[in-house]
Amino acid sequence: MAEELELLKLEVERKSMGIVAKELKVSKATVSLVVREKYPNPYKIYTKVKERYGQKIIGANAKADAISLFKELI
C-alpha cells in the first residue's frame, strides 16, 4: 500500500488536493488525512488511487527502466 500512498502524494503535488479529491470522488479532508497518514482505514482510498492512477506507475517504471538500460549501453 506504500506504492498507492506515494502515488497519491505525487498526484497532489502535481495537481492540487482539490483536483485529486474531485477525481477520486472524496473530500479534500479525506485526501489530506490519507496523505498525512492520519486516515483511520485508508484501504478504500488506496483502491481508488490504484484504479485512477495505477497505470502511471507502470509507465513511469517502464520509462525509468528504459533510461537505465540505455545508460548501461553507452
PDB file of N, CA and C in Angstrom:
ATOM      1  N   MET A   1       0.809  -1.202   0.000  1.00  0.00           N
ATOM      2  CA  MET A   1       0.000   0.000   0.000  1.00  0.00           C
ATOM      3  C   MET A   1       0.852   1.266   0.000  1.00  0.00           C
ATOM      4  N   ALA A   2       2.119   1.122   0.266  1.00  0.00           N
ATOM      5  CA  ALA A   2       3.004   2.290   0.242  1.00  0.00           C
ATOM      6  C   ALA A   2       3.082   2.891  -1.154  1.00  0.00           C
ATOM      7  N   GLU A   3       2.963   2.033  -2.159  1.00  0.00           N
ATOM      8  CA  GLU A   3       3.004   2.491  -3.542  1.00  0.00           C
ATOM      9  C   GLU A   3       1.849   3.451  -3.838  1.00  0.00           C
ATOM     10  N   GLU A   4       0.664   3.092  -3.358  1.00  0.00           N
ATOM     11  CA  GLU A   4      -0.510   3.930  -3.583  1.00  0.00           C
ATOM     12  C   GLU A   4      -0.390   5.255  -2.846  1.00  0.00           C
ATOM     13  N   LEU A   5       0.155   5.221  -1.633  1.00  0.00           N
ATOM     14  CA  LEU A   5       0.337   6.447  -0.858  1.00  0.00           C
ATOM     15  C   LEU A   5       1.305   7.378  -1.573  1.00  0.00           C
ATOM     16  N   GLU A   6       2.404   6.841  -2.065  1.00  0.00           N
ATOM     17  CA  GLU A   6       3.375   7.672  -2.783  1.00  0.00           C
ATOM     18  C   GLU A   6       2.770   8.232  -4.068  1.00  0.00           C
ATOM     19  N   LEU A   7       1.988   7.428  -4.743  1.00  0.00           N
ATOM     20  CA  LEU A   7       1.321   7.886  -5.957  1.00  0.00           C
ATOM     21  C   LEU A   7       0.330   9.003  -5.648  1.00  0.00           C
ATOM     22  N   LEU A   8      -0.419   8.843  -4.553  1.00  0.00           N
ATOM     23  CA  LEU A   8      -1.361   9.886  -4.139  1.00  0.00           C
ATOM     24  C   LEU A   8      -0.624  11.185  -3.833  1.00  0.00           C
ATOM     25  N   LYS A   9       0.467  11.091  -3.096  1.00  0.00           N
ATOM     26  CA  LYS A   9       1.258  12.281  -2.765  1.00  0.00           C
ATOM     27  C   LYS A   9       1.783  12.957  -4.032  1.00  0.00           C
ATOM     28  N   LEU A  10       2.226  12.180  -4.981  1.00  0.00           N
ATOM     29  CA  LEU A  10       2.728  12.712  -6.245  1.00  0.00           C
ATOM     30  C   LEU A  10       1.628  13.447  -7.002  1.00  0.00           C
ATOM     31  N   GLU A  11       0.447  12.852  -7.066  1.00  0.00           N
ATOM     32  CA  GLU A  11      -0.669  13.477  -7.775  1.00  0.00           C
ATOM     33  C   GLU A  11      -1.091  14.777  -7.097  1.00  0.00           C
ATOM     34  N   VAL A  12      -1.113  14.794  -5.777  1.00  0.00           N
ATOM     35  CA  VAL A  12      -1.466  16.018  -5.039  1.00  0.00           C
ATOM     36  C   VAL A  12      -0.429  17.105  -5.314  1.00  0.00           C
ATOM     37  N   GLU A  13       0.831  16.726  -5.356  1.00  0.00           N
ATOM     38  CA  GLU A  13       1.901  17.687  -5.632  1.00  0.00           C
ATOM     39  C   GLU A  13       1.797  18.230  -7.057  1.00  0.00           C
ATOM     40  N   ARG A  14       1.515  17.355  -8.010  1.00  0.00           N
ATOM     41  CA  ARG A  14       1.431  17.755  -9.421  1.00  0.00           C
ATOM     42  C   ARG A  14       0.204  18.604  -9.705  1.00  0.00           C
ATOM     43  N   LYS A  15      -0.901  18.267  -9.110  1.00  0.00           N
ATOM     44  CA  LYS A  15      -2.174  18.946  -9.392  1.00  0.00           C
ATOM     45  C   LYS A  15      -2.506  19.843  -8.205  1.00  0.00           C
ATOM     46  N   SER A  16      -3.433  19.400  -7.398  1.00  0.00           N
ATOM     47  CA  SER A  16      -3.778  20.050  -6.131  1.00  0.00           C
ATOM     48  C   SER A  16      -4.640  19.077  -5.356  1.00  0.00           C
ATOM     49  N   MET A  17      -4.787  19.334  -4.077  1.00  0.00           N
ATOM     50  CA  MET A  17      -5.584  18.452  -3.247  1.00  0.00           C
ATOM     51  C   MET A  17      -7.042  18.452  -3.721  1.00  0.00           C
ATOM     52  N   GLY A  18      -7.533  19.617  -4.106  1.00  0.00           N
ATOM     53  CA  GLY A  18      -8.917  19.726  -4.560  1.00  0.00           C
ATOM     54  C   GLY A  18      -9.187  18.954  -5.837  1.00  0.00           C
ATOM     55  N   ILE A  19      -8.289  19.059  -6.789  1.00  0.00           N
ATOM     56  CA  ILE A  19      -8.454  18.342  -8.065  1.00  0.00           C
ATOM     57  C   ILE A  19      -8.397  16.837  -7.846  1.00  0.00           C
ATOM     58  N   VAL A  20      -7.445  16.387  -7.047  1.00  0.00           N
ATOM     59  CA  VAL A  20      -7.314  14.952  -6.768  1.00  0.00           C
ATOM     60  C   VAL A  20      -8.560  14.453  -6.036  1.00  0.00           C
ATOM     61  N   ALA A  21      -9.055  15.231  -5.087  1.00  0.00           N
ATOM     62  CA  ALA A  21     -10.261  14.846  -4.363  1.00  0.00           C
ATOM     63  C   ALA A  21     -11.440  14.683  -5.315  1.00  0.00           C
ATOM     64  N   LYS A  22     -11.597  15.615  -6.245  1.00  0.00           N
ATOM     65  CA  LYS A  22     -12.690  15.506  -7.232  1.00  0.00           C
ATOM     66  C   LYS A  22     -12.514  14.280  -8.104  1.00  0.00           C
ATOM     67  N   GLU A  23     -11.288  14.015  -8.540  1.00  0.00           N
ATOM     68  CA  GLU A  23     -11.037  12.858  -9.393  1.00  0.00           C
ATOM     69  C   GLU A  23     -11.340  11.541  -8.671  1.00  0.00           C
ATOM     70  N   LEU A  24     -11.047  11.509  -7.374  1.00  0.00           N
ATOM     71  CA  LEU A  24     -11.292  10.290  -6.591  1.00  0.00           C
ATOM     72  C   LEU A  24     -12.701  10.242  -6.005  1.00  0.00           C
ATOM     73  N   LYS A  25     -13.437  11.364  -6.141  1.00  0.00           N
ATOM     74  CA  LYS A  25     -14.796  11.490  -5.601  1.00  0.00           C
ATOM     75  C   LYS A  25     -14.826  11.317  -4.087  1.00  0.00           C
ATOM     76  N   VAL A  26     -13.887  11.996  -3.436  1.00  0.00           N
ATOM     77  CA  VAL A  26     -13.838  12.065  -1.974  1.00  0.00           C
ATOM     78  C   VAL A  26     -13.606  13.522  -1.594  1.00  0.00           C
ATOM     79  N   SER A  27     -13.671  13.812  -0.311  1.00  0.00           N
ATOM     80  CA  SER A  27     -13.464  15.189   0.135  1.00  0.00           C
ATOM     81  C   SER A  27     -11.972  15.537   0.192  1.00  0.00           C
ATOM     82  N   LYS A  28     -11.708  16.845   0.190  1.00  0.00           N
ATOM     83  CA  LYS A  28     -10.315  17.303   0.346  1.00  0.00           C
ATOM     84  C   LYS A  28      -9.782  16.883   1.712  1.00  0.00           C
ATOM     85  N   ALA A  29     -10.653  16.892   2.714  1.00  0.00           N
ATOM     86  CA  ALA A  29     -10.234  16.483   4.059  1.00  0.00           C
ATOM     87  C   ALA A  29      -9.764  15.028   4.055  1.00  0.00           C
ATOM     88  N   THR A  30     -10.474  14.177   3.333  1.00  0.00           N
ATOM     89  CA  THR A  30     -10.081  12.770   3.247  1.00  0.00           C
ATOM     90  C   THR A  30      -8.713  12.632   2.598  1.00  0.00           C
ATOM     91  N   VAL A  31      -8.513  13.324   1.492  1.00  0.00           N
ATOM     92  CA  VAL A  31      -7.218  13.265   0.810  1.00  0.00           C
ATOM     93  C   VAL A  31      -6.119  13.765   1.740  1.00  0.00           C
ATOM     94  N   SER A  32      -6.377  14.855   2.417  1.00  0.00           N
ATOM     95  CA  SER A  32      -5.398  15.420   3.340  1.00  0.00           C
ATOM     96  C   SER A  32      -5.026  14.426   4.442  1.00  0.00           C
ATOM     97  N   LEU A  33      -6.028  13.806   5.023  1.00  0.00           N
ATOM     98  CA  LEU A  33      -5.769  12.834   6.096  1.00  0.00           C
ATOM     99  C   LEU A  33      -4.986  11.630   5.592  1.00  0.00           C
ATOM    100  N   VAL A  34      -5.316  11.149   4.403  1.00  0.00           N
ATOM    101  CA  VAL A  34      -4.603   9.992   3.852  1.00  0.00           C
ATOM    102  C   VAL A  34      -3.157  10.367   3.559  1.00  0.00           C
ATOM    103  N   VAL A  35      -2.944  11.532   2.953  1.00  0.00           N
ATOM    104  CA  VAL A  35      -1.587  11.982   2.627  1.00  0.00           C
ATOM    105  C   VAL A  35      -0.741  12.120   3.896  1.00  0.00           C
ATOM    106  N   ARG A  36      -1.361  12.612   4.970  1.00  0.00           N
ATOM    107  CA  ARG A  36      -0.634  12.785   6.235  1.00  0.00           C
ATOM    108  C   ARG A  36      -0.602  11.516   7.084  1.00  0.00           C
ATOM    109  N   GLU A  37      -1.144  10.427   6.509  1.00  0.00           N
ATOM    110  CA  GLU A  37      -1.185   9.121   7.168  1.00  0.00           C
ATOM    111  C   GLU A  37      -1.930   9.169   8.493  1.00  0.00           C
ATOM    112  N   LYS A  38      -3.024   9.939   8.522  1.00  0.00           N
ATOM    113  CA  LYS A  38      -3.858  10.073   9.714  1.00  0.00           C
ATOM    114  C   LYS A  38      -5.251   9.480   9.508  1.00  0.00           C
ATOM    115  N   TYR A  39      -5.532   9.001   8.300  1.00  0.00           N
ATOM    116  CA  TYR A  39      -6.848   8.443   7.989  1.00  0.00           C
ATOM    117  C   TYR A  39      -6.939   7.065   8.633  1.00  0.00           C
ATOM    118  N   PRO A  40      -8.031   6.786   9.372  1.00  0.00           N
ATOM    119  CA  PRO A  40      -8.109   5.542  10.147  1.00  0.00           C
ATOM    120  C   PRO A  40      -8.013   4.250   9.332  1.00  0.00           C
ATOM    121  N   ASN A  41      -8.651   4.185   8.177  1.00  0.00           N
ATOM    122  CA  ASN A  41      -8.620   2.969   7.368  1.00  0.00           C
ATOM    123  C   ASN A  41      -8.529   3.369   5.895  1.00  0.00           C
ATOM    124  N   PRO A  42      -7.327   3.607   5.402  1.00  0.00           N
ATOM    125  CA  PRO A  42      -7.164   4.188   4.059  1.00  0.00           C
ATOM    126  C   PRO A  42      -7.301   3.212   2.897  1.00  0.00           C
ATOM    127  N   TYR A  43      -7.594   1.943   3.147  1.00  0.00           N
ATOM    128  CA  TYR A  43      -7.528   0.946   2.080  1.00  0.00           C
ATOM    129  C   TYR A  43      -8.539   1.176   0.959  1.00  0.00           C
ATOM    130  N   LYS A  44      -9.723   1.700   1.289  1.00  0.00           N
ATOM    131  CA  LYS A  44     -10.689   2.015   0.239  1.00  0.00           C
ATOM    132  C   LYS A  44     -10.163   3.154  -0.635  1.00  0.00           C
ATOM    133  N   ILE A  45      -9.500   4.105  -0.012  1.00  0.00           N
ATOM    134  CA  ILE A  45      -8.929   5.230  -0.758  1.00  0.00           C
ATOM    135  C   ILE A  45      -7.775   4.733  -1.617  1.00  0.00           C
ATOM    136  N   TYR A  46      -6.940   3.852  -1.067  1.00  0.00           N
ATOM    137  CA  TYR A  46      -5.833   3.290  -1.835  1.00  0.00           C
ATOM    138  C   TYR A  46      -6.354   2.554  -3.070  1.00  0.00           C
ATOM    139  N   THR A  47      -7.480   1.871  -2.931  1.00  0.00           N
ATOM    140  CA  THR A  47      -8.081   1.178  -4.066  1.00  0.00           C
ATOM    141  C   THR A  47      -8.482   2.180  -5.148  1.00  0.00           C
ATOM    142  N   LYS A  48      -9.080   3.292  -4.733  1.00  0.00           N
ATOM    143  CA  LYS A  48      -9.469   4.330  -5.692  1.00  0.00           C
ATOM    144  C   LYS A  48      -8.241   4.922  -6.369  1.00  0.00           C
ATOM    145  N   VAL A  49      -7.182   5.149  -5.598  1.00  0.00           N
ATOM    146  CA  VAL A  49      -5.935   5.694  -6.150  1.00  0.00           C
ATOM    147  C   VAL A  49      -5.372   4.742  -7.194  1.00  0.00           C
ATOM    148  N   LYS A  50      -5.343   3.464  -6.871  1.00  0.00           N
ATOM    149  CA  LYS A  50      -4.795   2.470  -7.798  1.00  0.00           C
ATOM    150  C   LYS A  50      -5.629   2.397  -9.076  1.00  0.00           C
ATOM    151  N   GLU A  51      -6.976   2.438  -8.925  1.00  0.00           N
ATOM    152  CA  GLU A  51      -7.845   2.382 -10.101  1.00  0.00           C
ATOM    153  C   GLU A  51      -7.677   3.620 -10.981  1.00  0.00           C
ATOM    154  N   ARG A  52      -7.542   4.782 -10.351  1.00  0.00           N
ATOM    155  CA  ARG A  52      -7.484   6.044 -11.099  1.00  0.00           C
ATOM    156  C   ARG A  52      -6.095   6.304 -11.684  1.00  0.00           C
ATOM    157  N   TYR A  53      -5.055   6.088 -10.879  1.00  0.00           N
ATOM    158  CA  TYR A  53      -3.702   6.478 -11.275  1.00  0.00           C
ATOM    159  C   TYR A  53      -2.743   5.300 -11.454  1.00  0.00           C
ATOM    160  N   GLY A  54      -3.208   4.094 -11.286  1.00  0.00           N
ATOM    161  CA  GLY A  54      -2.345   2.917 -11.309  1.00  0.00           C
ATOM    162  C   GLY A  54      -1.559   2.729 -12.586  1.00  0.00           C
ATOM    163  N   GLN A  55      -2.121   3.081 -13.726  1.00  0.00           N
ATOM    164  CA  GLN A  55      -1.429   2.908 -14.992  1.00  0.00           C
ATOM    165  C   GLN A  55      -0.169   3.759 -15.060  1.00  0.00           C
ATOM    166  N   LYS A  56      -0.144   4.861 -14.344  1.00  0.00           N
ATOM    167  CA  LYS A  56       1.022   5.746 -14.363  1.00  0.00           C
ATOM    168  C   LYS A  56       2.220   5.088 -13.697  1.00  0.00           C
ATOM    169  N   ILE A  57       1.977   4.217 -12.726  1.00  0.00           N
ATOM    170  CA  ILE A  57       3.084   3.516 -12.065  1.00  0.00           C
ATOM    171  C   ILE A  57       3.809   2.649 -13.085  1.00  0.00           C
ATOM    172  N   ILE A  58       3.053   1.911 -13.874  1.00  0.00           N
ATOM    173  CA  ILE A  58       3.640   1.028 -14.876  1.00  0.00           C
ATOM    174  C   ILE A  58       4.431   1.842 -15.901  1.00  0.00           C
ATOM    175  N   GLY A  59       3.852   2.914 -16.385  1.00  0.00           N
ATOM    176  CA  GLY A  59       4.517   3.756 -17.374  1.00  0.00           C
ATOM    177  C   GLY A  59       5.780   4.387 -16.836  1.00  0.00           C
ATOM    178  N   ALA A  60       5.717   4.867 -15.610  1.00  0.00           N
ATOM    179  CA  ALA A  60       6.878   5.514 -15.003  1.00  0.00           C
ATOM    180  C   ALA A  60       8.006   4.505 -14.820  1.00  0.00           C
ATOM    181  N   ASN A  61       7.682   3.306 -14.347  1.00  0.00           N
ATOM    182  CA  ASN A  61       8.705   2.287 -14.141  1.00  0.00           C
ATOM    183  C   ASN A  61       9.295   1.831 -15.464  1.00  0.00           C
ATOM    184  N   ALA A  62       8.463   1.684 -16.477  1.00  0.00           N
ATOM    185  CA  ALA A  62       8.954   1.266 -17.784  1.00  0.00           C
ATOM    186  C   ALA A  62       9.906   2.310 -18.358  1.00  0.00           C
ATOM    187  N   LYS A  63       9.547   3.581 -18.216  1.00  0.00           N
ATOM    188  CA  LYS A  63      10.406   4.649 -18.726  1.00  0.00           C
ATOM    189  C   LYS A  63      11.732   4.671 -17.972  1.00  0.00           C
ATOM    190  N   ALA A  64      11.673   4.569 -16.639  1.00  0.00           N
ATOM    191  CA  ALA A  64      12.899   4.572 -15.840  1.00  0.00           C
ATOM    192  C   ALA A  64      13.782   3.382 -16.196  1.00  0.00           C
ATOM    193  N   ASP A  65      13.172   2.204 -16.410  1.00  0.00           N
ATOM    194  CA  ASP A  65      13.935   1.022 -16.785  1.00  0.00           C
ATOM    195  C   ASP A  65      14.586   1.208 -18.148  1.00  0.00           C
ATOM    196  N   ALA A  66      13.876   1.790 -19.074  1.00  0.00           N
ATOM    197  CA  ALA A  66      14.425   2.025 -20.415  1.00  0.00           C
ATOM    198  C   ALA A  66      15.599   2.989 -20.361  1.00  0.00           C
ATOM    199  N   ILE A  67      15.489   4.037 -19.573  1.00  0.00           N
ATOM    200  CA  ILE A  67      16.588   5.004 -19.424  1.00  0.00           C
ATOM    201  C   ILE A  67      17.802   4.341 -18.796  1.00  0.00           C
ATOM    202  N   SER A  68      17.564   3.537 -17.751  1.00  0.00           N
ATOM    203  CA  SER A  68      18.680   2.833 -17.105  1.00  0.00           C
ATOM    204  C   SER A  68      19.375   1.895 -18.074  1.00  0.00           C
ATOM    205  N   LEU A  69      18.598   1.166 -18.845  1.00  0.00           N
ATOM    206  CA  LEU A  69      19.157   0.250 -19.828  1.00  0.00           C
ATOM    207  C   LEU A  69      19.968   1.004 -20.882  1.00  0.00           C
ATOM    208  N   PHE A  70      19.454   2.116 -21.346  1.00  0.00           N
ATOM    209  CA  PHE A  70      20.142   2.927 -22.344  1.00  0.00           C
ATOM    210  C   PHE A  70      21.482   3.426 -21.801  1.00  0.00           C
ATOM    211  N   LYS A  71      21.489   3.887 -20.555  1.00  0.00           N
ATOM    212  CA  LYS A  71      22.720   4.397 -19.943  1.00  0.00           C
ATOM    213  C   LYS A  71      23.772   3.283 -19.832  1.00  0.00           C
ATOM    214  N   GLU A  72      23.313   2.065 -19.547  1.00  0.00           N
ATOM    215  CA  GLU A  72      24.256   0.939 -19.443  1.00  0.00           C
ATOM    216  C   GLU A  72      24.889   0.612 -20.795  1.00  0.00           C
ATOM    217  N   LEU A  73      24.145   0.848 -21.853  1.00  0.00           N
ATOM    218  CA  LEU A  73      24.655   0.531 -23.186  1.00  0.00           C
ATOM    219  C   LEU A  73      25.681   1.545 -23.674  1.00  0.00           C
ATOM    220  N   ILE A  74      25.634   2.735 -23.122  1.00  0.00           N
ATOM    221  CA  ILE A  74      26.536   3.803 -23.578  1.00  0.00           C
ATOM    222  C   ILE A  74      27.919   3.651 -23.020  1.00  0.00           C
TER     223      ILE A  74
END
